[in-house]
């Protein structure tokens, strides 16, 4: 627009005679005005292009920066996530090792307390007056110290266990993992570990040396037994029997030292399949692998603990317990639910132990029956061999019955030819004929039943599925080949049809040419 306006001003400018050089001047000014307008236009275009290019370059630079920042963030996020995962895994491994070490010490202290409690009670049972001695007082003091250390280790163990739970579930603070259920279990463990025989008073100065000798010597010459009440239980026995509850630490020991729990890959597999690798899962696997061994170990432990518990609870008189052999016999009779009645518990404590023994005996009997039935089941290959032998025997019997049918039919035909169809031999042959037919039917029924029993396992079903899939694949291939052949036949028929049409056309042309020649 600016160039057009300049041109109009230059052309319509008035010219006078008294100014001869005006045309020259005007002509000299015409070109620069056009060039200026063109240059200004080009400059404006170049400035626009430069602005656009600068904007595009700035946009590309900003996009590249954003991409680089996002890539850096992703890389940093990946690095942080990998670092966090590695940190959690290493921390989890350390906490798991700490829990295992603390539990091992707790298990050792628990067993030590139980053994010391049994020794203390046996020393007390050996005395006629059942009073404490210096040795029993020292044993009880040792049990008390070990119980206090055990309670401290229980708290220490649960601290690590809560931290392990927080690491597994990505919880920041350990107080979140301290739920009411966990707090209740901690209190229950503290109660179980705190019950033990307490040293009540120091025995020095209670009796003189002569009185202790007299009390011990009267044990051999005492003839009259002091009767006891049903509710009578010695204090040391009442506080000592609950110490067997510390055997729950063995369950944790088995769990922590199991290959299924210590292997990291198996733990990850269990987490992916939503299976908790606890004591129940571990003991199930052990019973699946070694059922007889596990039952023998369990029954041996129950037998020893139950026998000593019956000895500690059951008493002949107030100052004499039953022997360990009588307690073993009573436990065996009660555990097997036989109950001869020659030895019976005389206190409520002994009756309670006998009741628990009978309940455990029923459960162990059920487990034993299940294990024996599982051991008597044939394996898959043994079942194959057994079924093969039975099939061979049935095939032989079927051939034998078929031969009998042919023989008896031939006899019946021969007797009818000689007109002896009312004779006894004909009737016997007919009976044998129908008996052989019934025998073949029975053999076929047994074969079908054997085949049905043979196809019961998962492997057999998989084999059948594989066979059916192969048959289907073969049939599909045959169908495809048949389809290809049919397509080729269709193509050949089309070609033949085209040739026939071509021949027909040529013949018609020849006939058209021949007819006018004949007319001529």
Protein backbone atom coordinates (compact mmCIF):
# COMPACT_ATOMS: atom_id res chain seq x y z
CA UNK A 1 0.00 0.00 0.00
CA UNK A 2 2.78 2.46 0.73
CA UNK A 3 4.46 1.85 -2.65
CA UNK A 4 1.19 2.46 -4.55
CA UNK A 5 0.60 5.74 -2.75
CA UNK A 6 4.13 6.92 -3.55
CA UNK A 7 3.65 6.10 -7.20
CA UNK A 8 0.41 8.12 -7.42
CA UNK A 9 2.03 11.15 -5.82
CA UNK A 10 4.93 11.00 -8.22
CA UNK A 11 2.84 10.66 -11.41
CA UNK A 12 0.23 13.28 -10.56
CA UNK A 13 2.73 15.94 -9.56
CA UNK A 14 2.14 19.24 -11.52
CA UNK A 15 4.82 20.28 -14.01
CA UNK A 16 5.64 23.89 -14.97
CA UNK A 17 7.75 25.39 -17.76
CA UNK A 18 9.87 27.59 -15.63
CA UNK A 19 11.32 24.63 -13.94
CA UNK A 20 13.05 22.57 -16.58
CA UNK A 21 15.04 20.32 -14.24
CA UNK A 22 12.09 19.29 -12.21
CA UNK A 23 11.39 16.30 -14.41
CA UNK A 24 14.92 15.18 -14.04
CA UNK A 25 14.76 15.68 -10.35
CA UNK A 26 11.43 13.96 -10.13
CA UNK A 27 12.62 11.14 -12.28
CA UNK A 28 15.65 10.82 -10.16
CA UNK A 29 13.42 10.64 -7.09
CA UNK A 30 11.01 8.07 -8.53
CA UNK A 31 13.37 5.08 -8.30
CA UNK A 32 14.47 5.61 -4.73
CA UNK A 33 10.87 5.82 -3.53
CA UNK A 34 10.06 2.46 -5.12
CA UNK A 35 13.24 0.88 -3.83
CA UNK A 36 12.59 2.22 -0.36
CA UNK A 37 9.12 0.79 -0.37
CA UNK A 38 10.35 -2.60 -1.60
CA UNK A 39 13.21 -2.59 0.89
CA UNK A 40 10.88 -1.66 3.70
CA UNK A 41 8.56 -4.46 2.69
CA UNK A 42 11.39 -6.97 2.54
CA UNK A 43 12.70 -5.77 5.87
CA UNK A 44 9.28 -6.15 7.45
CA UNK A 45 8.99 -9.65 5.99
CA UNK A 46 12.46 -10.53 7.20
CA UNK A 47 11.67 -9.18 10.64
CA UNK A 48 8.47 -11.24 10.74
CA UNK A 49 10.37 -14.32 9.61
CA UNK A 50 13.08 -13.64 12.15
CA UNK A 51 10.51 -13.18 14.88
CA UNK A 52 8.71 -16.36 13.87
CA UNK A 53 11.97 -18.30 13.66
CA UNK A 54 13.07 -16.91 17.00
CA UNK A 55 9.72 -17.86 18.50
CA UNK A 56 9.95 -21.35 16.99
CA UNK A 57 13.54 -21.72 18.15
CA UNK A 58 12.54 -20.55 21.63
CA UNK A 59 9.61 -22.98 21.63
CA UNK A 60 11.82 -25.86 20.52
CA UNK A 61 14.42 -24.93 23.11
CA UNK A 62 11.77 -24.80 25.82
CA UNK A 63 10.31 -28.14 24.65
CA UNK A 64 13.76 -29.72 24.69
CA UNK A 65 14.39 -28.32 28.14
CA UNK A 66 11.05 -29.67 29.36
CA UNK A 67 11.82 -33.07 27.83
CA UNK A 68 15.25 -33.10 29.42
CA UNK A 69 13.77 -32.10 32.76
CA UNK A 70 11.09 -34.81 32.52
CA UNK A 71 13.71 -37.39 31.54
CA UNK A 72 15.91 -36.29 34.41
CA UNK A 73 12.94 -36.50 36.76
CA UNK A 74 12.10 -39.98 35.51
CA UNK A 75 15.67 -41.09 35.82
CA UNK A 76 15.97 -39.56 39.25
CA UNK A 77 12.62 -41.14 40.21
CA UNK A 78 13.76 -44.52 38.97
CA UNK A 79 17.06 -44.14 40.77
CA UNK A 80 15.27 -43.08 43.95
CA UNK A 81 12.76 -45.93 43.67
CA UNK A 82 15.54 -48.48 43.09
CA UNK A 83 17.52 -47.04 45.98
CA UNK A 84 14.41 -47.19 48.16
CA UNK A 85 13.70 -50.79 47.17
CA UNK A 86 17.31 -51.84 47.79
CA UNK A 87 17.28 -50.05 51.13
CA UNK A 88 14.04 -51.75 52.14
CA UNK A 89 15.32 -55.17 51.08
CA UNK A 90 18.59 -54.77 52.95
CA UNK A 91 16.77 -53.48 56.04
CA UNK A 92 14.28 -56.30 55.82
CA UNK A 93 17.10 -58.86 55.64
CA UNK A 94 18.83 -57.34 58.66
CA UNK A 95 15.61 -57.22 60.70
CA UNK A 96 14.80 -60.81 59.76
CA UNK A 97 18.26 -61.91 60.89
CA UNK A 98 17.86 -59.97 64.17
CA UNK A 99 14.47 -61.59 64.84
CA UNK A 100 15.95 -65.03 64.17
CA UNK A 101 18.90 -64.44 66.52
CA UNK A 102 16.72 -63.09 69.33
CA UNK A 103 14.27 -65.97 68.93
CA UNK A 104 17.11 -68.51 69.12
CA UNK A 105 18.25 -67.02 72.43
CA UNK A 106 14.65 -66.98 73.68
CA UNK A 107 14.22 -70.65 72.71
CA UNK A 108 17.41 -71.61 74.55
CA UNK A 109 16.32 -69.74 77.68
CA UNK A 110 12.86 -71.30 77.52
CA UNK A 111 14.29 -74.82 77.34
CA UNK A 112 16.74 -74.01 80.13
CA UNK A 113 13.93 -72.83 82.40
CA UNK A 114 11.85 -75.97 81.71
CA UNK A 115 14.79 -78.31 82.41
CA UNK A 116 15.68 -76.48 85.62
CA UNK A 117 12.04 -76.59 86.72
CA UNK A 118 11.92 -80.39 86.20
CA UNK A 119 15.18 -80.87 88.12
CA UNK A 120 13.92 -78.67 90.96
CA UNK A 121 10.66 -80.60 91.26
CA UNK A 122 12.40 -83.96 91.09
CA UNK A 123 14.70 -82.94 93.96
CA UNK A 124 11.63 -81.82 95.91
CA UNK A 125 9.78 -85.09 95.12
CA UNK A 126 12.76 -87.07 96.43
CA UNK A 127 12.40 -85.45 99.88
CA UNK A 128 9.83 -86.83 102.26
CA UNK A 129 8.88 -83.45 103.76
CA UNK A 130 8.90 -81.62 100.36
CA UNK A 131 10.75 -78.65 101.84
CA UNK A 132 13.20 -76.51 99.92
CA UNK A 133 16.92 -76.98 100.05
CA UNK A 134 19.74 -74.69 99.06
CA UNK A 135 20.03 -76.41 95.67
CA UNK A 136 16.31 -76.02 94.92
CA UNK A 137 16.39 -72.39 96.08
CA UNK A 138 19.34 -71.68 93.75
CA UNK A 139 17.57 -73.45 90.89
CA UNK A 140 14.46 -71.33 91.41
CA UNK A 141 16.57 -68.20 91.54
CA UNK A 142 18.18 -69.18 88.24
CA UNK A 143 14.73 -69.81 86.74
CA UNK A 144 13.59 -66.37 87.94
CA UNK A 145 16.62 -64.63 86.42
CA UNK A 146 16.19 -66.49 83.12
CA UNK A 147 12.49 -65.62 83.09
CA UNK A 148 13.25 -61.92 83.58
CA UNK A 149 15.79 -62.02 80.75
CA UNK A 150 13.25 -63.88 78.62
CA UNK A 151 10.59 -61.20 79.20
CA UNK A 152 13.06 -58.53 78.14
CA UNK A 153 13.90 -60.52 75.00
CA UNK A 154 10.18 -60.88 74.23
CA UNK A 155 9.84 -57.09 74.15
CA UNK A 156 13.06 -56.79 72.16
CA UNK A 157 11.86 -59.39 69.64
CA UNK A 158 8.49 -57.72 69.14
CA UNK A 159 10.22 -54.38 68.59
CA UNK A 160 12.14 -55.89 65.67
CA UNK A 161 9.05 -57.72 64.44
CA UNK A 162 7.01 -54.50 64.37
CA UNK A 163 9.81 -52.76 62.45
CA UNK A 164 9.87 -55.69 60.02
CA UNK A 165 6.12 -55.38 59.58
CA UNK A 166 6.48 -51.65 58.88
CA UNK A 167 9.20 -52.28 56.29
CA UNK A 168 7.12 -54.96 54.53
CA UNK A 169 4.06 -52.71 54.38
CA UNK A 170 5.86 -49.36 53.73
CA UNK A 171 4.79 -47.88 57.07
CA UNK A 172 6.83 -44.92 58.26
CA UNK A 173 6.44 -45.18 62.04
CA UNK A 174 6.47 -48.31 64.19
CA UNK A 175 3.51 -47.12 66.26
CA UNK A 176 1.23 -47.73 63.28
CA UNK A 177 2.17 -51.43 63.34
CA UNK A 178 1.41 -51.72 67.07
CA UNK A 179 -2.19 -52.85 66.68
CA UNK A 180 -4.48 -54.11 69.41
CA UNK A 181 -4.10 -57.73 68.31
CA UNK A 182 -0.32 -57.50 68.40
CA UNK A 183 -0.42 -55.80 71.79
CA UNK A 184 -2.63 -58.60 73.11
CA UNK A 185 -0.22 -61.25 71.80
CA UNK A 186 2.72 -59.46 73.44
CA UNK A 187 0.90 -59.38 76.79
CA UNK A 188 -0.01 -63.06 76.47
CA UNK A 189 3.62 -64.00 75.78
CA UNK A 190 4.78 -61.97 78.76
CA UNK A 191 2.27 -63.80 80.98
CA UNK A 192 3.38 -67.21 79.67
CA UNK A 193 7.06 -66.41 80.16
CA UNK A 194 6.57 -64.88 83.61
CA UNK A 195 4.91 -67.90 85.30
CA UNK A 196 7.55 -69.98 87.09
CA UNK A 197 8.37 -71.38 90.55
CA UNK A 198 9.45 -68.50 92.79
CA UNK A 199 12.11 -68.81 95.53
CA UNK A 200 10.00 -67.99 98.57
CA UNK A 201 12.43 -68.13 101.50
CA UNK A 202 16.03 -69.08 102.07
CA UNK A 203 16.18 -72.61 103.62
CA UNK A 204 19.18 -72.08 105.98
CA UNK A 205 18.21 -72.19 109.65
CA UNK A 206 14.77 -73.64 109.09
CA UNK A 207 15.61 -77.14 110.26
CA UNK A 208 18.56 -78.51 112.16
CA UNK A 209 20.78 -81.16 110.67
CA UNK A 210 19.38 -83.89 112.92
CA UNK A 211 15.77 -83.01 112.14
CA UNK A 212 16.48 -83.12 108.40
CA UNK A 213 18.12 -86.54 108.79
CA UNK A 214 15.16 -87.81 110.80
CA UNK A 215 12.69 -86.47 108.23
CA UNK A 216 14.58 -88.11 105.40
CA UNK A 217 15.00 -91.41 107.28
CA UNK A 218 11.28 -91.66 108.07
CA UNK A 219 10.55 -91.81 104.38
CA UNK A 220 11.87 -95.36 104.22
CA UNK A 221 9.94 -96.55 107.25
CA UNK A 222 6.62 -94.73 106.75
CA UNK A 223 3.83 -97.30 106.48
CA UNK A 224 0.68 -95.20 106.72
CA UNK A 225 -0.08 -92.91 103.77
CA UNK A 226 -1.75 -89.58 104.36
CA UNK A 227 -4.87 -89.30 102.16
CA UNK A 228 -5.07 -86.31 99.83
CA UNK A 229 -7.92 -84.20 98.52
CA UNK A 230 -8.86 -83.93 94.86
CA UNK A 231 -7.95 -80.27 94.77
CA UNK A 232 -4.48 -80.74 96.26
CA UNK A 233 -1.67 -79.46 94.00
CA UNK A 234 1.82 -78.48 95.20
CA UNK A 235 2.66 -74.84 94.62
CA UNK A 236 5.83 -75.59 92.67
CA UNK A 237 3.91 -77.98 90.41
CA UNK A 238 1.12 -75.47 89.84
CA UNK A 239 3.68 -72.83 88.87
CA UNK A 240 5.89 -75.25 86.96
CA UNK A 241 3.43 -76.92 84.58
CA UNK A 242 2.51 -73.65 82.76
CA UNK A 243 6.19 -73.32 81.87
CA UNK A 244 5.61 -75.93 79.15
CA UNK A 245 3.74 -73.15 77.34
CA UNK A 246 7.16 -71.70 76.50
CA UNK A 247 7.46 -74.42 73.88
CA UNK A 248 5.64 -72.10 71.49
CA UNK A 249 9.11 -70.66 70.87
CA UNK A 250 9.95 -73.91 69.05
CA UNK A 251 7.30 -73.03 66.47
CA UNK A 252 9.07 -69.76 65.73
CA UNK A 253 12.41 -71.55 65.68
CA UNK A 254 11.12 -74.00 63.06
CA UNK A 255 9.63 -71.15 61.04
CA UNK A 256 12.75 -68.96 61.05
CA UNK A 257 15.09 -71.84 60.21
CA UNK A 258 12.92 -73.24 57.45
CA UNK A 259 14.19 -73.08 53.89
CA UNK A 260 10.86 -71.68 52.72
CA UNK A 261 11.21 -68.62 54.95
CA UNK A 262 14.93 -67.98 54.61
CA UNK A 263 14.93 -68.09 50.80
CA UNK A 264 14.19 -64.65 49.33
CA UNK A 265 12.88 -65.96 46.02
CA UNK A 266 10.39 -68.25 47.77
CA UNK A 267 9.27 -65.34 49.94
CA UNK A 268 8.64 -63.21 46.86
CA UNK A 269 6.73 -66.07 45.26
CA UNK A 270 4.61 -66.42 48.39
CA UNK A 271 3.87 -62.68 48.45
CA UNK A 272 2.85 -62.75 44.79
CA UNK A 273 0.50 -65.69 45.40
CA UNK A 274 -0.90 -64.09 48.59
CA UNK A 275 0.38 -66.88 50.85
CA UNK A 276 1.67 -66.10 54.32
CA UNK A 277 4.81 -68.10 55.05
CA UNK A 278 4.01 -68.75 58.69
CA UNK A 279 4.31 -71.77 60.98
CA UNK A 280 1.10 -73.39 59.72
CA UNK A 281 2.32 -73.34 56.12
CA UNK A 282 5.76 -74.65 57.11
CA UNK A 283 4.38 -77.48 59.24
CA UNK A 284 2.00 -78.46 56.43
CA UNK A 285 4.91 -78.78 54.04
CA UNK A 286 6.87 -80.83 56.57
CA UNK A 287 3.91 -83.16 57.16
CA UNK A 288 3.56 -83.48 53.39
CA UNK A 289 7.22 -84.42 52.95
CA UNK A 290 7.94 -86.45 56.12
CA UNK A 291 4.59 -87.42 57.72
CA UNK A 292 5.82 -90.39 59.76
CA UNK A 293 8.88 -88.54 61.03
CA UNK A 294 6.82 -85.55 62.13
CA UNK A 295 4.26 -87.76 63.87
CA UNK A 296 6.98 -89.69 65.72
CA UNK A 297 8.65 -86.49 66.94
CA UNK A 298 5.34 -84.95 68.00
CA UNK A 299 4.15 -88.09 69.81
CA UNK A 300 7.51 -88.47 71.58
CA UNK A 301 7.41 -84.90 72.88
CA UNK A 302 3.79 -85.24 74.01
CA UNK A 303 4.57 -88.57 75.66
CA UNK A 304 7.51 -87.22 77.68
CA UNK A 305 5.76 -84.00 78.73
CA UNK A 306 2.48 -85.74 79.53
CA UNK A 307 4.11 -88.53 81.52
CA UNK A 308 6.08 -86.13 83.71
CA UNK A 309 3.01 -83.91 84.14
CA UNK A 310 1.00 -86.92 85.38
CA UNK A 311 3.81 -87.80 87.77
CA UNK A 312 3.89 -84.24 89.10
CA UNK A 313 0.10 -83.95 89.46
CA UNK A 314 -0.92 -87.43 90.56
CA UNK A 315 0.04 -88.56 94.05
CA UNK A 316 -0.38 -91.71 96.09
CA UNK A 317 -0.49 -89.71 99.32
CA UNK A 318 0.22 -86.14 100.36
CA UNK A 319 3.92 -86.88 100.64
CA UNK A 320 4.51 -89.33 97.79
CA UNK A 321 4.10 -88.98 94.02
CA UNK A 322 3.58 -91.86 91.65
CA UNK A 323 6.61 -93.27 89.86
CA UNK A 324 7.58 -92.18 86.39
CA UNK A 325 6.90 -95.66 84.97
CA UNK A 326 3.39 -95.69 86.39
CA UNK A 327 2.86 -92.22 84.93
CA UNK A 328 4.08 -93.44 81.53
CA UNK A 329 1.70 -96.40 81.66
CA UNK A 330 -1.20 -94.15 82.64
CA UNK A 331 -0.38 -91.74 79.81
CA UNK A 332 -0.16 -94.52 77.21
CA UNK A 333 -3.48 -96.03 78.32
CA UNK A 334 -5.14 -92.62 78.25
CA UNK A 335 -3.46 -91.47 75.01
CA UNK A 336 -4.59 -94.56 73.13
CA UNK A 337 -8.11 -94.24 74.67
CA UNK A 338 -7.92 -97.81 76.00
CA UNK A 339 -8.43 -97.04 79.68
CA UNK A 340 -7.75 -100.26 81.61
CA UNK A 341 -8.44 -98.58 84.94
CA UNK A 342 -5.61 -100.20 86.90
CA UNK A 343 -4.00 -96.76 87.43
CA UNK A 344 -6.22 -93.71 87.78
CA UNK A 345 -5.45 -90.04 88.52
CA UNK A 346 -6.26 -89.04 92.11
CA UNK A 347 -6.41 -85.23 91.72
CA UNK A 348 -8.11 -82.75 89.50
CA UNK A 349 -4.73 -81.75 88.12
CA UNK A 350 -4.01 -85.32 87.02
CA UNK A 351 -7.49 -85.67 85.55
CA UNK A 352 -6.99 -82.48 83.55
CA UNK A 353 -3.70 -83.78 82.16
CA UNK A 354 -5.36 -87.12 81.32
CA UNK A 355 -8.19 -85.33 79.51
CA UNK A 356 -5.75 -83.30 77.43
CA UNK A 357 -3.79 -86.48 76.66
CA UNK A 358 -6.93 -88.29 75.48
CA UNK A 359 -7.93 -85.38 73.19
CA UNK A 360 -4.43 -85.24 71.68
CA UNK A 361 -4.51 -89.02 71.28
CA UNK A 362 -7.74 -88.86 69.26
CA UNK A 363 -6.27 -86.19 66.97
CA UNK A 364 -3.03 -88.11 66.52
CA UNK A 365 -4.98 -91.29 65.72
CA UNK A 366 -6.88 -89.42 63.00
CA UNK A 367 -3.60 -88.08 61.61
CA UNK A 368 -2.07 -91.55 61.72
CA UNK A 369 -4.99 -93.03 59.80
CA UNK A 370 -4.69 -90.28 57.19
CA UNK A 371 -0.94 -90.85 56.84
CA UNK A 372 -1.31 -94.62 56.55
CA UNK A 373 -4.07 -94.29 53.95
CA UNK A 374 -1.91 -91.87 51.98
CA UNK A 375 1.02 -94.26 52.10
CA UNK A 376 -1.15 -97.15 50.90
CA UNK A 377 -2.29 -95.24 47.81
CA UNK A 378 -0.49 -96.35 44.66
CA UNK A 379 1.56 -93.82 42.80
CA UNK A 380 0.76 -92.89 39.23
CA UNK A 381 3.31 -95.26 37.66
CA UNK A 382 2.37 -98.07 40.04
CA UNK A 383 -1.26 -97.56 39.08
CA UNK A 384 -0.29 -97.74 35.42
CA UNK A 385 1.46 -101.06 35.92
CA UNK A 386 -1.41 -102.44 38.01
CA UNK A 387 -4.02 -101.39 35.43
CA UNK A 388 -1.92 -102.84 32.61
CA UNK A 389 -1.72 -106.21 34.37
CA UNK A 390 -5.47 -106.21 35.03
CA UNK A 391 -6.21 -105.28 31.41
CA UNK A 392 -4.02 -108.16 30.20
CA UNK A 393 -5.82 -110.61 32.50
CA UNK A 394 -9.24 -109.37 31.39
CA UNK A 395 -8.22 -109.61 27.72
CA UNK A 396 -7.11 -113.22 28.24
CA UNK A 397 -10.37 -114.03 30.03
CA UNK A 398 -12.37 -112.41 27.21
CA UNK A 399 -10.53 -114.49 24.59
CA UNK A 400 -11.16 -117.63 26.65
CA UNK A 401 -14.89 -116.89 26.91
CA UNK A 402 -15.06 -116.11 23.19
CA UNK A 403 -13.43 -119.48 22.43
CA UNK A 404 -15.95 -121.21 24.69
CA UNK A 405 -18.79 -119.47 22.83
CA UNK A 406 -17.48 -120.76 19.50
CA UNK A 407 -16.96 -124.30 20.86
CA UNK A 408 -20.40 -124.50 22.43
CA UNK A 409 -22.08 -123.02 19.35
CA UNK A 410 -20.35 -125.63 17.18
CA UNK A 411 -21.51 -128.41 19.56
CA UNK A 412 -25.07 -127.12 19.44
CA UNK A 413 -24.96 -127.04 15.62
CA UNK A 414 -23.54 -130.57 15.44
CA UNK A 415 -26.20 -131.90 17.80
CA UNK A 416 -28.99 -130.24 15.82
CA UNK A 417 -27.63 -131.84 12.64
CA UNK A 418 -27.88 -135.31 14.16
CA UNK A 419 -31.30 -134.49 15.68
CA UNK A 420 -30.18 -134.55 19.29
CA UNK A 421 -31.43 -131.11 20.28
CA UNK A 422 -33.40 -132.56 23.19
CA UNK A 423 -30.46 -134.43 24.68
CA UNK A 424 -28.62 -133.59 27.90
CA UNK A 425 -25.42 -132.78 26.00
CA UNK A 426 -27.27 -130.17 23.93
CA UNK A 427 -28.75 -128.59 27.06
CA UNK A 428 -25.32 -128.48 28.73
CA UNK A 429 -23.76 -126.91 25.66
CA UNK A 430 -26.55 -124.33 25.53
CA UNK A 431 -26.04 -123.48 29.22
CA UNK A 432 -22.30 -123.14 28.72
CA UNK A 433 -22.96 -120.96 25.64
CA UNK A 434 -25.14 -118.50 27.54
CA UNK A 435 -22.77 -118.60 30.52
CA UNK A 436 -19.87 -117.59 28.27
CA UNK A 437 -21.96 -114.73 26.86
CA UNK A 438 -22.68 -113.50 30.39
CA UNK A 439 -18.99 -113.85 31.22
CA UNK A 440 -18.01 -111.61 28.26
CA UNK A 441 -20.53 -109.00 29.36
CA UNK A 442 -19.12 -109.06 32.89
CA UNK A 443 -15.56 -108.76 31.57
CA UNK A 444 -16.48 -105.77 29.41
CA UNK A 445 -18.12 -104.13 32.39
CA UNK A 446 -14.95 -104.59 34.45
CA UNK A 447 -12.86 -103.18 31.60
CA UNK A 448 -15.02 -100.05 31.40
CA UNK A 449 -14.81 -99.64 35.16
CA UNK A 450 -11.05 -100.07 35.06
CA UNK A 451 -10.73 -97.44 32.34
CA UNK A 452 -12.90 -95.04 34.34
CA UNK A 453 -10.74 -95.57 37.42
CA UNK A 454 -7.64 -95.16 35.31
CA UNK A 455 -8.74 -91.73 34.08
CA UNK A 456 -8.86 -90.06 37.48
CA UNK A 457 -5.63 -88.12 37.79
CA UNK A 458 -4.69 -84.75 36.45
CA UNK A 459 -1.93 -86.25 34.31
CA UNK A 460 -4.40 -88.52 32.52
CA UNK A 461 -6.74 -85.62 31.85
CA UNK A 462 -3.83 -83.61 30.46
CA UNK A 463 -2.86 -86.52 28.21
CA UNK A 464 -6.43 -86.80 26.92
CA UNK A 465 -6.54 -83.06 26.30
CA UNK A 466 -3.23 -83.24 24.46
CA UNK A 467 -4.44 -86.12 22.30
CA UNK A 468 -7.67 -84.32 21.46
CA UNK A 469 -5.76 -81.14 20.59
CA UNK A 470 -3.45 -83.09 18.26
CA UNK A 471 -6.44 -84.74 16.59
CA UNK A 472 -8.10 -81.36 16.14
CA UNK A 473 -4.92 -79.90 14.64
CA UNK A 474 -4.66 -82.80 12.22
CA UNK A 475 -8.30 -82.45 11.19
CA UNK A 476 -7.83 -78.71 10.65
CA UNK A 477 -4.79 -79.35 8.48
CA UNK A 478 -6.73 -81.91 6.44
CA UNK A 479 -9.59 -79.45 6.02
CA UNK A 480 -7.18 -76.76 4.84
CA UNK A 481 -5.60 -79.15 2.33
CA UNK A 482 -9.05 -80.19 1.08
CA UNK A 483 -10.02 -76.52 0.74
CA UNK A 484 -6.88 -75.81 -1.28
CA UNK A 485 -7.57 -78.79 -3.52
CA UNK A 486 -11.18 -77.70 -4.04
CA UNK A 487 -9.99 -74.21 -4.94
CA UNK A 488 -7.54 -75.65 -7.47
CA UNK A 489 -10.28 -77.85 -8.96
CA UNK A 490 -12.54 -74.78 -9.22
CA UNK A 491 -9.80 -72.89 -11.02
CA UNK A 492 -9.28 -75.79 -13.43
CA UNK A 493 -13.01 -76.04 -14.07
CA UNK A 494 -13.12 -72.32 -14.79
CA UNK A 495 -10.27 -72.74 -17.25
CA UNK A 496 -12.04 -75.69 -18.91
CA UNK A 497 -15.24 -73.69 -19.10
CA UNK A 498 -13.39 -70.80 -20.73
CA UNK A 499 -11.77 -73.14 -23.26
CA UNK A 500 -15.16 -74.70 -24.04
CA UNK A 501 -16.66 -71.25 -24.58
CA UNK A 502 -13.71 -70.34 -26.79
CA UNK A 503 -14.13 -73.51 -28.85
CA UNK A 504 -17.86 -72.85 -29.14
CA UNK A 505 -17.21 -69.34 -30.39
CA UNK A 506 -14.67 -70.51 -32.93
CA UNK A 507 -17.06 -73.20 -34.18
CA UNK A 508 -19.86 -70.70 -34.54
CA UNK A 509 -17.56 -68.41 -36.55
CA UNK A 510 -16.55 -71.29 -38.79
CA UNK A 511 -20.19 -72.22 -39.34
CA UNK A 512 -21.00 -68.61 -40.20
CA UNK A 513 -18.23 -68.62 -42.82
CA UNK A 514 -19.18 -72.00 -44.24
CA UNK A 515 -22.88 -71.28 -44.78
CA UNK A 516 -22.43 -68.51 -47.40
CA UNK A 517 -19.97 -70.65 -49.31
CA UNK A 518 -22.54 -73.42 -49.53
CA UNK A 519 -25.15 -71.00 -50.79
CA UNK A 520 -22.78 -69.90 -53.52
